[in-house]
Amino acid sequence: MALTPKQENFCLAYLETGNASEAYRRVYKSQSMKPETVNRTAKAMLDNHKIAARLAELREPILKRHATTVDDLIRELEEARQLALSMAASAPAVSATMGKARILGMDRQVIDHKIQVVDDGSSQW
């Protein structure tokens, strides 16, 4: 599954910038394209199975080299939280707690919209 030279350059630019549209602009002639078109085309590039496979291949040594896990991040944030608490610094402690919540997917705000029917037949929020 060989990529064209431009597709390979797109992959490299995407890894460098983290932005598919910027990577597309760097590699392809897009001066006359609308930003929306660049965005759609860049997204289509990322959806291309050859490009997705190449990006995974390029990321693999980076991930192995850094070998950071969710557990590592949680541990580091907890250490930072404990340090902040020991220094009576509540804002950094809260920030570390919220960082942990984001990593674990627990930072979503849930609002309960139940209607309660009271004895007289009326409704209350």
C-alpha atoms as a PDB file:
ATOM      1  CA  MET A   1       0.000   0.000   0.000  1.00  0.00           C
ATOM      2  CA  ALA A   2       2.402   2.667  -1.178  1.00  0.00           C
ATOM      3  CA  LEU A   3       1.415   6.286  -0.838  1.00  0.00           C
ATOM      4  CA  THR A   4       2.080   8.974  -3.369  1.00  0.00           C
ATOM      5  CA  PRO A   5       4.866  11.393  -2.397  1.00  0.00           C
ATOM      6  CA  LYS A   6       2.243  14.058  -1.627  1.00  0.00           C
ATOM      7  CA  GLN A   7       0.269  11.667   0.587  1.00  0.00           C
ATOM      8  CA  GLU A   8       3.467  10.793   2.473  1.00  0.00           C
ATOM      9  CA  ASN A   9       4.265  14.490   2.893  1.00  0.00           C
ATOM     10  CA  PHE A  10       0.712  15.086   4.099  1.00  0.00           C
ATOM     11  CA  CYS A  11       1.220  12.417   6.778  1.00  0.00           C
ATOM     12  CA  LEU A  12       4.492  13.981   7.900  1.00  0.00           C
ATOM     13  CA  ALA A  13       3.015  17.483   7.961  1.00  0.00           C
ATOM     14  CA  TYR A  14      -0.015  16.219   9.883  1.00  0.00           C
ATOM     15  CA  LEU A  15       2.191  14.632  12.536  1.00  0.00           C
ATOM     16  CA  GLU A  16       4.209  17.837  12.778  1.00  0.00           C
ATOM     17  CA  THR A  17       1.258  20.215  13.078  1.00  0.00           C
ATOM     18  CA  GLY A  18      -1.550  18.049  14.430  1.00  0.00           C
ATOM     19  CA  ASN A  19      -3.843  19.878  12.013  1.00  0.00           C
ATOM     20  CA  ALA A  20      -5.097  18.144   8.876  1.00  0.00           C
ATOM     21  CA  SER A  21      -6.109  21.367   7.126  1.00  0.00           C
ATOM     22  CA  GLU A  22      -2.717  22.945   7.727  1.00  0.00           C
ATOM     23  CA  ALA A  23      -0.993  19.772   6.522  1.00  0.00           C
ATOM     24  CA  TYR A  24      -3.126  19.824   3.374  1.00  0.00           C
ATOM     25  CA  ARG A  25      -2.279  23.490   2.713  1.00  0.00           C
ATOM     26  CA  ARG A  26       1.442  22.773   3.090  1.00  0.00           C
ATOM     27  CA  VAL A  27       1.447  19.892   0.605  1.00  0.00           C
ATOM     28  CA  TYR A  28      -1.233  20.619  -1.997  1.00  0.00           C
ATOM     29  CA  LYS A  29      -2.019  23.687  -4.072  1.00  0.00           C
ATOM     30  CA  SER A  30      -4.922  25.109  -2.144  1.00  0.00           C
ATOM     31  CA  GLN A  31      -4.570  28.873  -2.527  1.00  0.00           C
ATOM     32  CA  SER A  32      -7.754  29.148  -4.587  1.00  0.00           C
ATOM     33  CA  MET A  33      -9.746  26.777  -2.356  1.00  0.00           C
ATOM     34  CA  LYS A  34     -12.246  27.944   0.237  1.00  0.00           C
ATOM     35  CA  PRO A  35     -11.330  27.066   3.840  1.00  0.00           C
ATOM     36  CA  GLU A  36     -14.371  24.775   4.030  1.00  0.00           C
ATOM     37  CA  THR A  37     -13.156  22.848   0.990  1.00  0.00           C
ATOM     38  CA  VAL A  38      -9.685  22.501   2.454  1.00  0.00           C
ATOM     39  CA  ASN A  39     -11.215  21.208   5.697  1.00  0.00           C
ATOM     40  CA  ARG A  40     -13.413  18.653   3.918  1.00  0.00           C
ATOM     41  CA  THR A  41     -10.591  17.463   1.690  1.00  0.00           C
ATOM     42  CA  ALA A  42      -8.180  17.194   4.619  1.00  0.00           C
ATOM     43  CA  LYS A  43     -10.773  15.172   6.543  1.00  0.00           C
ATOM     44  CA  ALA A  44     -11.190  12.882   3.537  1.00  0.00           C
ATOM     45  CA  MET A  45      -7.417  12.417   3.531  1.00  0.00           C
ATOM     46  CA  LEU A  46      -7.514  11.305   7.160  1.00  0.00           C
ATOM     47  CA  ASP A  47     -10.374   8.919   6.370  1.00  0.00           C
ATOM     48  CA  ASN A  48      -8.339   7.262   3.590  1.00  0.00           C
ATOM     49  CA  HIS A  49      -7.381   3.814   4.905  1.00  0.00           C
ATOM     50  CA  LYS A  50      -3.888   3.989   3.401  1.00  0.00           C
ATOM     51  CA  ILE A  51      -3.185   7.326   5.065  1.00  0.00           C
ATOM     52  CA  ALA A  52      -4.675   6.184   8.376  1.00  0.00           C
ATOM     53  CA  ALA A  53      -2.461   3.087   8.299  1.00  0.00           C
ATOM     54  CA  ARG A  54       0.627   5.155   7.515  1.00  0.00           C
ATOM     55  CA  LEU A  55      -0.130   7.602  10.324  1.00  0.00           C
ATOM     56  CA  ALA A  56      -0.466   4.695  12.762  1.00  0.00           C
ATOM     57  CA  GLU A  57       2.830   3.316  11.492  1.00  0.00           C
ATOM     58  CA  LEU A  58       4.564   6.674  11.958  1.00  0.00           C
ATOM     59  CA  ARG A  59       3.100   7.157  15.456  1.00  0.00           C
ATOM     60  CA  GLU A  60       4.101   3.720  16.727  1.00  0.00           C
ATOM     61  CA  PRO A  61       7.763   4.461  17.532  1.00  0.00           C
ATOM     62  CA  ILE A  62       6.778   7.760  19.138  1.00  0.00           C
ATOM     63  CA  LEU A  63       4.277   6.016  21.408  1.00  0.00           C
ATOM     64  CA  LYS A  64       6.787   3.297  22.276  1.00  0.00           C
ATOM     65  CA  ARG A  65       9.514   5.840  22.994  1.00  0.00           C
ATOM     66  CA  HIS A  66       7.346   7.832  25.359  1.00  0.00           C
ATOM     67  CA  ALA A  67       5.281   4.898  26.672  1.00  0.00           C
ATOM     68  CA  THR A  68       2.924   7.127  28.639  1.00  0.00           C
ATOM     69  CA  THR A  69      -0.259   5.500  29.866  1.00  0.00           C
ATOM     70  CA  VAL A  70      -3.459   6.850  31.372  1.00  0.00           C
ATOM     71  CA  ASP A  71      -2.267   5.441  34.706  1.00  0.00           C
ATOM     72  CA  ASP A  72       0.952   7.468  34.389  1.00  0.00           C
ATOM     73  CA  LEU A  73      -0.998  10.656  33.727  1.00  0.00           C
ATOM     74  CA  ILE A  74      -3.412  10.032  36.596  1.00  0.00           C
ATOM     75  CA  ARG A  75      -0.492   9.331  38.949  1.00  0.00           C
ATOM     76  CA  GLU A  76       1.267  12.559  37.917  1.00  0.00           C
ATOM     77  CA  LEU A  77      -1.892  14.609  38.348  1.00  0.00           C
ATOM     78  CA  GLU A  78      -2.493  13.081  41.786  1.00  0.00           C
ATOM     79  CA  GLU A  79       1.074  13.951  42.824  1.00  0.00           C
ATOM     80  CA  ALA A  80       0.512  17.526  41.639  1.00  0.00           C
ATOM     81  CA  ARG A  81      -2.826  17.653  43.482  1.00  0.00           C
ATOM     82  CA  GLN A  82      -1.278  16.419  46.719  1.00  0.00           C
ATOM     83  CA  LEU A  83       1.543  18.969  46.440  1.00  0.00           C
ATOM     84  CA  ALA A  84      -0.966  21.767  45.821  1.00  0.00           C
ATOM     85  CA  LEU A  85      -3.041  20.676  48.830  1.00  0.00           C
ATOM     86  CA  SER A  86       0.056  20.552  51.036  1.00  0.00           C
ATOM     87  CA  MET A  87       0.776  24.150  50.023  1.00  0.00           C
ATOM     88  CA  ALA A  88      -2.852  25.215  50.595  1.00  0.00           C
ATOM     89  CA  ALA A  89      -3.103  26.102  46.903  1.00  0.00           C
ATOM     90  CA  SER A  90      -6.688  25.237  46.108  1.00  0.00           C
ATOM     91  CA  ALA A  91      -6.789  26.406  42.466  1.00  0.00           C
ATOM     92  CA  PRO A  92      -3.965  24.084  41.292  1.00  0.00           C
ATOM     93  CA  ALA A  93      -5.486  21.244  43.338  1.00  0.00           C
ATOM     94  CA  VAL A  94      -8.848  21.735  41.639  1.00  0.00           C
ATOM     95  CA  SER A  95      -7.122  21.961  38.256  1.00  0.00           C
ATOM     96  CA  ALA A  96      -5.360  18.635  38.856  1.00  0.00           C
ATOM     97  CA  THR A  97      -8.621  17.034  39.992  1.00  0.00           C
ATOM     98  CA  MET A  98     -10.389  18.286  36.859  1.00  0.00           C
ATOM     99  CA  GLY A  99      -7.491  17.019  34.722  1.00  0.00           C
ATOM    100  CA  LYS A 100      -8.020  13.565  36.182  1.00  0.00           C
ATOM    101  CA  ALA A 101     -11.760  13.836  35.558  1.00  0.00           C
ATOM    102  CA  ARG A 102     -11.191  14.790  31.905  1.00  0.00           C
ATOM    103  CA  ILE A 103      -8.824  11.883  31.302  1.00  0.00           C
ATOM    104  CA  LEU A 104     -11.307   9.475  32.866  1.00  0.00           C
ATOM    105  CA  GLY A 105     -14.287  10.960  30.988  1.00  0.00           C
ATOM    106  CA  MET A 106     -15.965  12.102  34.194  1.00  0.00           C
ATOM    107  CA  ASP A 107     -16.078  15.838  33.431  1.00  0.00           C
ATOM    108  CA  ARG A 108     -19.431  15.882  31.665  1.00  0.00           C
ATOM    109  CA  GLN A 109     -22.005  18.073  33.303  1.00  0.00           C
ATOM    110  CA  VAL A 110     -25.337  16.277  33.714  1.00  0.00           C
ATOM    111  CA  ILE A 111     -28.471  18.312  34.232  1.00  0.00           C
ATOM    112  CA  ASP A 112     -31.594  16.561  35.464  1.00  0.00           C
ATOM    113  CA  HIS A 113     -34.690  17.810  33.624  1.00  0.00           C
ATOM    114  CA  LYS A 114     -37.356  15.733  35.368  1.00  0.00           C
ATOM    115  CA  ILE A 115     -40.819  17.112  35.811  1.00  0.00           C
ATOM    116  CA  GLN A 116     -42.444  16.356  39.119  1.00  0.00           C
ATOM    117  CA  VAL A 117     -46.231  16.043  39.176  1.00  0.00           C
ATOM    118  CA  VAL A 118     -47.665  17.287  42.470  1.00  0.00           C
ATOM    119  CA  ASP A 119     -50.885  16.149  44.139  1.00  0.00           C
ATOM    120  CA  ASP A 120     -53.024  18.943  42.705  1.00  0.00           C
ATOM    121  CA  GLY A 121     -52.221  17.819  39.122  1.00  0.00           C
ATOM    122  CA  SER A 122     -49.900  20.685  38.320  1.00  0.00           C
ATOM    123  CA  SER A 123     -46.285  20.211  37.205  1.00  0.00           C
ATOM    124  CA  GLN A 124     -43.068  21.479  38.749  1.00  0.00           C
ATOM    125  CA  TRP A 125     -39.528  21.364  37.497  1.00  0.00           C
END
